[in-house]
Amino acid sequence: MGKTLVIVGVVLIIIGVLWQLLGRLIPLGRLPGDLFFKNGQVSFYFPIVTCIVISIVLSILFSLFRR
C-alpha cells in the first residue's frame, strides 16, 4: 500500500508540473464552451468543455493501460 501511495504521489507531482509548463501552450480551463458568468461582485465559472476533454483523454489512457 505504501509503495502505491508513493507512486500515485509522484505521478500527481509530474502531472502538476506538466500542467504548469504546458498550461501556457494548451488552454485547458479556458476553452470555448466553458461557462463563465459575472454579475456584479458574484462570478461563476464551470469548465464543462475542459472536463469533457480531460474525461475523454483519461478514458483513452485507461483503456490502453487495461490491455
PDB file of N, CA and C in Angstrom:
ATOM      1  N   MET A   1       0.819  -1.186   0.000  1.00  0.00           N
ATOM      2  CA  MET A   1       0.000   0.000   0.000  1.00  0.00           C
ATOM      3  C   MET A   1       0.872   1.263   0.000  1.00  0.00           C
ATOM      4  N   GLY A   2       1.947   1.232   0.773  1.00  0.00           N
ATOM      5  CA  GLY A   2       2.818   2.397   0.842  1.00  0.00           C
ATOM      6  C   GLY A   2       3.487   2.704  -0.493  1.00  0.00           C
ATOM      7  N   LYS A   3       3.909   1.651  -1.184  1.00  0.00           N
ATOM      8  CA  LYS A   3       4.556   1.830  -2.485  1.00  0.00           C
ATOM      9  C   LYS A   3       3.577   2.433  -3.489  1.00  0.00           C
ATOM     10  N   THR A   4       2.327   1.998  -3.437  1.00  0.00           N
ATOM     11  CA  THR A   4       1.303   2.530  -4.335  1.00  0.00           C
ATOM     12  C   THR A   4       1.060   4.007  -4.063  1.00  0.00           C
ATOM     13  N   LEU A   5       1.007   4.392  -2.801  1.00  0.00           N
ATOM     14  CA  LEU A   5       0.800   5.801  -2.461  1.00  0.00           C
ATOM     15  C   LEU A   5       1.961   6.669  -2.929  1.00  0.00           C
ATOM     16  N   VAL A   6       3.171   6.165  -2.822  1.00  0.00           N
ATOM     17  CA  VAL A   6       4.342   6.916  -3.298  1.00  0.00           C
ATOM     18  C   VAL A   6       4.275   7.079  -4.811  1.00  0.00           C
ATOM     19  N   ILE A   7       3.927   6.019  -5.517  1.00  0.00           N
ATOM     20  CA  ILE A   7       3.832   6.094  -6.982  1.00  0.00           C
ATOM     21  C   ILE A   7       2.742   7.074  -7.396  1.00  0.00           C
ATOM     22  N   VAL A   8       1.586   7.013  -6.742  1.00  0.00           N
ATOM     23  CA  VAL A   8       0.488   7.938  -7.060  1.00  0.00           C
ATOM     24  C   VAL A   8       0.925   9.378  -6.780  1.00  0.00           C
ATOM     25  N   GLY A   9       1.629   9.598  -5.676  1.00  0.00           N
ATOM     26  CA  GLY A   9       2.118  10.935  -5.351  1.00  0.00           C
ATOM     27  C   GLY A   9       3.087  11.470  -6.383  1.00  0.00           C
ATOM     28  N   VAL A  10       4.013  10.641  -6.826  1.00  0.00           N
ATOM     29  CA  VAL A  10       4.985  11.060  -7.839  1.00  0.00           C
ATOM     30  C   VAL A  10       4.280  11.371  -9.156  1.00  0.00           C
ATOM     31  N   VAL A  11       3.316  10.538  -9.523  1.00  0.00           N
ATOM     32  CA  VAL A  11       2.558  10.780 -10.759  1.00  0.00           C
ATOM     33  C   VAL A  11       1.801  12.102 -10.663  1.00  0.00           C
ATOM     34  N   LEU A  12       1.193  12.382  -9.515  1.00  0.00           N
ATOM     35  CA  LEU A  12       0.473  13.646  -9.348  1.00  0.00           C
ATOM     36  C   LEU A  12       1.415  14.848  -9.412  1.00  0.00           C
ATOM     37  N   ILE A  13       2.597  14.719  -8.861  1.00  0.00           N
ATOM     38  CA  ILE A  13       3.576  15.811  -8.939  1.00  0.00           C
ATOM     39  C   ILE A  13       3.992  16.040 -10.385  1.00  0.00           C
ATOM     40  N   ILE A  14       4.239  14.971 -11.127  1.00  0.00           N
ATOM     41  CA  ILE A  14       4.617  15.104 -12.540  1.00  0.00           C
ATOM     42  C   ILE A  14       3.494  15.751 -13.334  1.00  0.00           C
ATOM     43  N   ILE A  15       2.257  15.332 -13.085  1.00  0.00           N
ATOM     44  CA  ILE A  15       1.110  15.933 -13.782  1.00  0.00           C
ATOM     45  C   ILE A  15       0.997  17.413 -13.440  1.00  0.00           C
ATOM     46  N   GLY A  16       1.215  17.767 -12.181  1.00  0.00           N
ATOM     47  CA  GLY A  16       1.149  19.166 -11.772  1.00  0.00           C
ATOM     48  C   GLY A  16       2.206  20.029 -12.440  1.00  0.00           C
ATOM     49  N   VAL A  17       3.408  19.505 -12.526  1.00  0.00           N
ATOM     50  CA  VAL A  17       4.494  20.253 -13.177  1.00  0.00           C
ATOM     51  C   VAL A  17       4.207  20.410 -14.665  1.00  0.00           C
ATOM     52  N   LEU A  18       3.778  19.321 -15.306  1.00  0.00           N
ATOM     53  CA  LEU A  18       3.440  19.412 -16.731  1.00  0.00           C
ATOM     54  C   LEU A  18       2.282  20.367 -16.965  1.00  0.00           C
ATOM     55  N   TRP A  19       1.305  20.362 -16.068  1.00  0.00           N
ATOM     56  CA  TRP A  19       0.150  21.257 -16.196  1.00  0.00           C
ATOM     57  C   TRP A  19       0.608  22.713 -16.156  1.00  0.00           C
ATOM     58  N   GLN A  20       1.558  23.012 -15.262  1.00  0.00           N
ATOM     59  CA  GLN A  20       2.068  24.380 -15.174  1.00  0.00           C
ATOM     60  C   GLN A  20       2.871  24.760 -16.409  1.00  0.00           C
ATOM     61  N   LEU A  21       3.703  23.850 -16.886  1.00  0.00           N
ATOM     62  CA  LEU A  21       4.549  24.163 -18.043  1.00  0.00           C
ATOM     63  C   LEU A  21       3.750  24.212 -19.338  1.00  0.00           C
ATOM     64  N   LEU A  22       2.824  23.264 -19.517  1.00  0.00           N
ATOM     65  CA  LEU A  22       2.054  23.209 -20.755  1.00  0.00           C
ATOM     66  C   LEU A  22       0.803  24.081 -20.704  1.00  0.00           C
ATOM     67  N   GLY A  23       0.510  24.640 -19.543  1.00  0.00           N
ATOM     68  CA  GLY A  23      -0.668  25.485 -19.402  1.00  0.00           C
ATOM     69  C   GLY A  23      -0.627  26.717 -20.289  1.00  0.00           C
ATOM     70  N   ARG A  24       0.558  27.135 -20.608  1.00  0.00           N
ATOM     71  CA  ARG A  24       0.689  28.296 -21.490  1.00  0.00           C
ATOM     72  C   ARG A  24       0.437  27.920 -22.948  1.00  0.00           C
ATOM     73  N   LEU A  25       0.700  26.655 -23.288  1.00  0.00           N
ATOM     74  CA  LEU A  25       0.536  26.197 -24.665  1.00  0.00           C
ATOM     75  C   LEU A  25      -0.861  25.624 -24.921  1.00  0.00           C
ATOM     76  N   ILE A  26      -1.370  24.866 -23.949  1.00  0.00           N
ATOM     77  CA  ILE A  26      -2.687  24.239 -24.079  1.00  0.00           C
ATOM     78  C   ILE A  26      -3.646  24.978 -23.144  1.00  0.00           C
ATOM     79  N   PRO A  27      -4.665  25.616 -23.673  1.00  0.00           N
ATOM     80  CA  PRO A  27      -5.511  26.469 -22.832  1.00  0.00           C
ATOM     81  C   PRO A  27      -6.586  25.707 -22.043  1.00  0.00           C
ATOM     82  N   LEU A  28      -6.208  24.614 -21.374  1.00  0.00           N
ATOM     83  CA  LEU A  28      -7.187  23.903 -20.558  1.00  0.00           C
ATOM     84  C   LEU A  28      -7.696  24.832 -19.459  1.00  0.00           C
ATOM     85  N   GLY A  29      -8.993  24.847 -19.281  1.00  0.00           N
ATOM     86  CA  GLY A  29      -9.602  25.757 -18.323  1.00  0.00           C
ATOM     87  C   GLY A  29     -10.083  27.039 -18.962  1.00  0.00           C
ATOM     88  N   ARG A  30      -9.711  27.262 -20.200  1.00  0.00           N
ATOM     89  CA  ARG A  30     -10.134  28.471 -20.917  1.00  0.00           C
ATOM     90  C   ARG A  30     -10.599  28.124 -22.324  1.00  0.00           C
ATOM     91  N   LEU A  31     -11.196  26.953 -22.473  1.00  0.00           N
ATOM     92  CA  LEU A  31     -11.655  26.505 -23.786  1.00  0.00           C
ATOM     93  C   LEU A  31     -12.996  27.149 -24.134  1.00  0.00           C
ATOM     94  N   PRO A  32     -13.289  27.286 -25.435  1.00  0.00           N
ATOM     95  CA  PRO A  32     -14.613  27.760 -25.824  1.00  0.00           C
ATOM     96  C   PRO A  32     -15.661  26.756 -25.341  1.00  0.00           C
ATOM     97  N   GLY A  33     -16.696  27.232 -24.728  1.00  0.00           N
ATOM     98  CA  GLY A  33     -17.732  26.365 -24.188  1.00  0.00           C
ATOM     99  C   GLY A  33     -17.675  26.275 -22.674  1.00  0.00           C
ATOM    100  N   ASP A  34     -16.567  26.694 -22.066  1.00  0.00           N
ATOM    101  CA  ASP A  34     -16.506  26.769 -20.609  1.00  0.00           C
ATOM    102  C   ASP A  34     -17.406  27.920 -20.166  1.00  0.00           C
ATOM    103  N   LEU A  35     -18.192  27.669 -19.144  1.00  0.00           N
ATOM    104  CA  LEU A  35     -19.182  28.645 -18.709  1.00  0.00           C
ATOM    105  C   LEU A  35     -18.581  29.629 -17.711  1.00  0.00           C
ATOM    106  N   PHE A  36     -18.798  30.919 -17.954  1.00  0.00           N
ATOM    107  CA  PHE A  36     -18.355  31.964 -17.039  1.00  0.00           C
ATOM    108  C   PHE A  36     -19.415  33.051 -17.000  1.00  0.00           C
ATOM    109  N   PHE A  37     -19.958  33.270 -15.833  1.00  0.00           N
ATOM    110  CA  PHE A  37     -20.971  34.303 -15.638  1.00  0.00           C
ATOM    111  C   PHE A  37     -20.498  35.249 -14.550  1.00  0.00           C
ATOM    112  N   LYS A  38     -20.680  36.545 -14.783  1.00  0.00           N
ATOM    113  CA  LYS A  38     -20.315  37.541 -13.790  1.00  0.00           C
ATOM    114  C   LYS A  38     -21.471  38.519 -13.654  1.00  0.00           C
ATOM    115  N   ASN A  39     -21.908  38.706 -12.424  1.00  0.00           N
ATOM    116  CA  ASN A  39     -22.999  39.611 -12.136  1.00  0.00           C
ATOM    117  C   ASN A  39     -22.595  40.444 -10.925  1.00  0.00           C
ATOM    118  N   GLY A  40     -22.122  41.632 -11.161  1.00  0.00           N
ATOM    119  CA  GLY A  40     -21.664  42.482 -10.068  1.00  0.00           C
ATOM    120  C   GLY A  40     -20.412  41.905  -9.427  1.00  0.00           C
ATOM    121  N   GLN A  41     -20.517  41.582  -8.138  1.00  0.00           N
ATOM    122  CA  GLN A  41     -19.370  41.035  -7.421  1.00  0.00           C
ATOM    123  C   GLN A  41     -19.374  39.514  -7.395  1.00  0.00           C
ATOM    124  N   VAL A  42     -20.414  38.903  -7.932  1.00  0.00           N
ATOM    125  CA  VAL A  42     -20.531  37.445  -7.922  1.00  0.00           C
ATOM    126  C   VAL A  42     -20.134  36.902  -9.290  1.00  0.00           C
ATOM    127  N   SER A  43     -19.264  35.907  -9.283  1.00  0.00           N
ATOM    128  CA  SER A  43     -18.885  35.269 -10.544  1.00  0.00           C
ATOM    129  C   SER A  43     -18.993  33.757 -10.386  1.00  0.00           C
ATOM    130  N   PHE A  44     -19.315  33.101 -11.485  1.00  0.00           N
ATOM    131  CA  PHE A  44     -19.457  31.644 -11.512  1.00  0.00           C
ATOM    132  C   PHE A  44     -18.709  31.124 -12.721  1.00  0.00           C
ATOM    133  N   TYR A  45     -17.852  30.126 -12.496  1.00  0.00           N
ATOM    134  CA  TYR A  45     -17.056  29.556 -13.577  1.00  0.00           C
ATOM    135  C   TYR A  45     -17.171  28.045 -13.505  1.00  0.00           C
ATOM    136  N   PHE A  46     -17.565  27.420 -14.616  1.00  0.00           N
ATOM    137  CA  PHE A  46     -17.642  25.968 -14.691  1.00  0.00           C
ATOM    138  C   PHE A  46     -17.012  25.519 -16.001  1.00  0.00           C
ATOM    139  N   PRO A  47     -15.856  24.854 -15.936  1.00  0.00           N
ATOM    140  CA  PRO A  47     -15.144  24.451 -17.155  1.00  0.00           C
ATOM    141  C   PRO A  47     -15.693  23.147 -17.731  1.00  0.00           C
ATOM    142  N   ILE A  48     -16.897  23.170 -18.273  1.00  0.00           N
ATOM    143  CA  ILE A  48     -17.555  21.948 -18.725  1.00  0.00           C
ATOM    144  C   ILE A  48     -16.838  21.313 -19.914  1.00  0.00           C
ATOM    145  N   VAL A  49     -16.383  22.090 -20.872  1.00  0.00           N
ATOM    146  CA  VAL A  49     -15.686  21.534 -22.037  1.00  0.00           C
ATOM    147  C   VAL A  49     -14.328  20.976 -21.607  1.00  0.00           C
ATOM    148  N   THR A  50     -13.653  21.657 -20.699  1.00  0.00           N
ATOM    149  CA  THR A  50     -12.389  21.154 -20.182  1.00  0.00           C
ATOM    150  C   THR A  50     -12.597  19.819 -19.478  1.00  0.00           C
ATOM    151  N   CYS A  51     -13.665  19.690 -18.706  1.00  0.00           N
ATOM    152  CA  CYS A  51     -13.965  18.420 -18.031  1.00  0.00           C
ATOM    153  C   CYS A  51     -14.214  17.301 -19.044  1.00  0.00           C
ATOM    154  N   ILE A  52     -14.913  17.615 -20.114  1.00  0.00           N
ATOM    155  CA  ILE A  52     -15.190  16.605 -21.139  1.00  0.00           C
ATOM    156  C   ILE A  52     -13.894  16.169 -21.823  1.00  0.00           C
ATOM    157  N   VAL A  53     -13.022  17.122 -22.147  1.00  0.00           N
ATOM    158  CA  VAL A  53     -11.743  16.793 -22.799  1.00  0.00           C
ATOM    159  C   VAL A  53     -10.886  15.928 -21.882  1.00  0.00           C
ATOM    160  N   ILE A  54     -10.786  16.293 -20.619  1.00  0.00           N
ATOM    161  CA  ILE A  54      -9.997  15.508 -19.669  1.00  0.00           C
ATOM    162  C   ILE A  54     -10.590  14.115 -19.507  1.00  0.00           C
ATOM    163  N   SER A  55     -11.910  14.006 -19.474  1.00  0.00           N
ATOM    164  CA  SER A  55     -12.563  12.703 -19.351  1.00  0.00           C
ATOM    165  C   SER A  55     -12.266  11.808 -20.545  1.00  0.00           C
ATOM    166  N   ILE A  56     -12.302  12.368 -21.740  1.00  0.00           N
ATOM    167  CA  ILE A  56     -12.009  11.579 -22.940  1.00  0.00           C
ATOM    168  C   ILE A  56     -10.558  11.113 -22.939  1.00  0.00           C
ATOM    169  N   VAL A  57      -9.644  12.001 -22.597  1.00  0.00           N
ATOM    170  CA  VAL A  57      -8.221  11.637 -22.579  1.00  0.00           C
ATOM    171  C   VAL A  57      -7.957  10.552 -21.536  1.00  0.00           C
ATOM    172  N   LEU A  58      -8.528  10.699 -20.339  1.00  0.00           N
ATOM    173  CA  LEU A  58      -8.332   9.682 -19.309  1.00  0.00           C
ATOM    174  C   LEU A  58      -8.965   8.353 -19.693  1.00  0.00           C
ATOM    175  N   SER A  59     -10.119   8.386 -20.338  1.00  0.00           N
ATOM    176  CA  SER A  59     -10.756   7.144 -20.789  1.00  0.00           C
ATOM    177  C   SER A  59      -9.877   6.411 -21.795  1.00  0.00           C
ATOM    178  N   ILE A  60      -9.286   7.148 -22.712  1.00  0.00           N
ATOM    179  CA  ILE A  60      -8.388   6.529 -23.698  1.00  0.00           C
ATOM    180  C   ILE A  60      -7.150   5.957 -23.014  1.00  0.00           C
ATOM    181  N   LEU A  61      -6.563   6.721 -22.084  1.00  0.00           N
ATOM    182  CA  LEU A  61      -5.370   6.230 -21.389  1.00  0.00           C
ATOM    183  C   LEU A  61      -5.668   4.979 -20.574  1.00  0.00           C
ATOM    184  N   PHE A  62      -6.780   4.973 -19.846  1.00  0.00           N
ATOM    185  CA  PHE A  62      -7.132   3.812 -19.027  1.00  0.00           C
ATOM    186  C   PHE A  62      -7.433   2.596 -19.889  1.00  0.00           C
ATOM    187  N   SER A  63      -8.043   2.812 -21.051  1.00  0.00           N
ATOM    188  CA  SER A  63      -8.320   1.662 -21.921  1.00  0.00           C
ATOM    189  C   SER A  63      -7.013   1.105 -22.503  1.00  0.00           C
ATOM    190  N   LEU A  64      -6.032   1.959 -22.741  1.00  0.00           N
ATOM    191  CA  LEU A  64      -4.732   1.482 -23.236  1.00  0.00           C
ATOM    192  C   LEU A  64      -3.974   0.711 -22.158  1.00  0.00           C
ATOM    193  N   PHE A  65      -4.033   1.187 -20.906  1.00  0.00           N
ATOM    194  CA  PHE A  65      -3.337   0.522 -19.816  1.00  0.00           C
ATOM    195  C   PHE A  65      -4.009  -0.791 -19.419  1.00  0.00           C
ATOM    196  N   ARG A  66      -5.306  -0.907 -19.667  1.00  0.00           N
ATOM    197  CA  ARG A  66      -6.032  -2.106 -19.300  1.00  0.00           C
ATOM    198  C   ARG A  66      -5.578  -3.291 -20.156  1.00  0.00           C
ATOM    199  N   ARG A  67      -5.133  -3.040 -21.369  1.00  0.00           N
ATOM    200  CA  ARG A  67      -4.729  -4.115 -22.286  1.00  0.00           C
ATOM    201  C   ARG A  67      -3.370  -4.610 -22.021  1.00  0.00           C
TER     202      ARG A  67
END
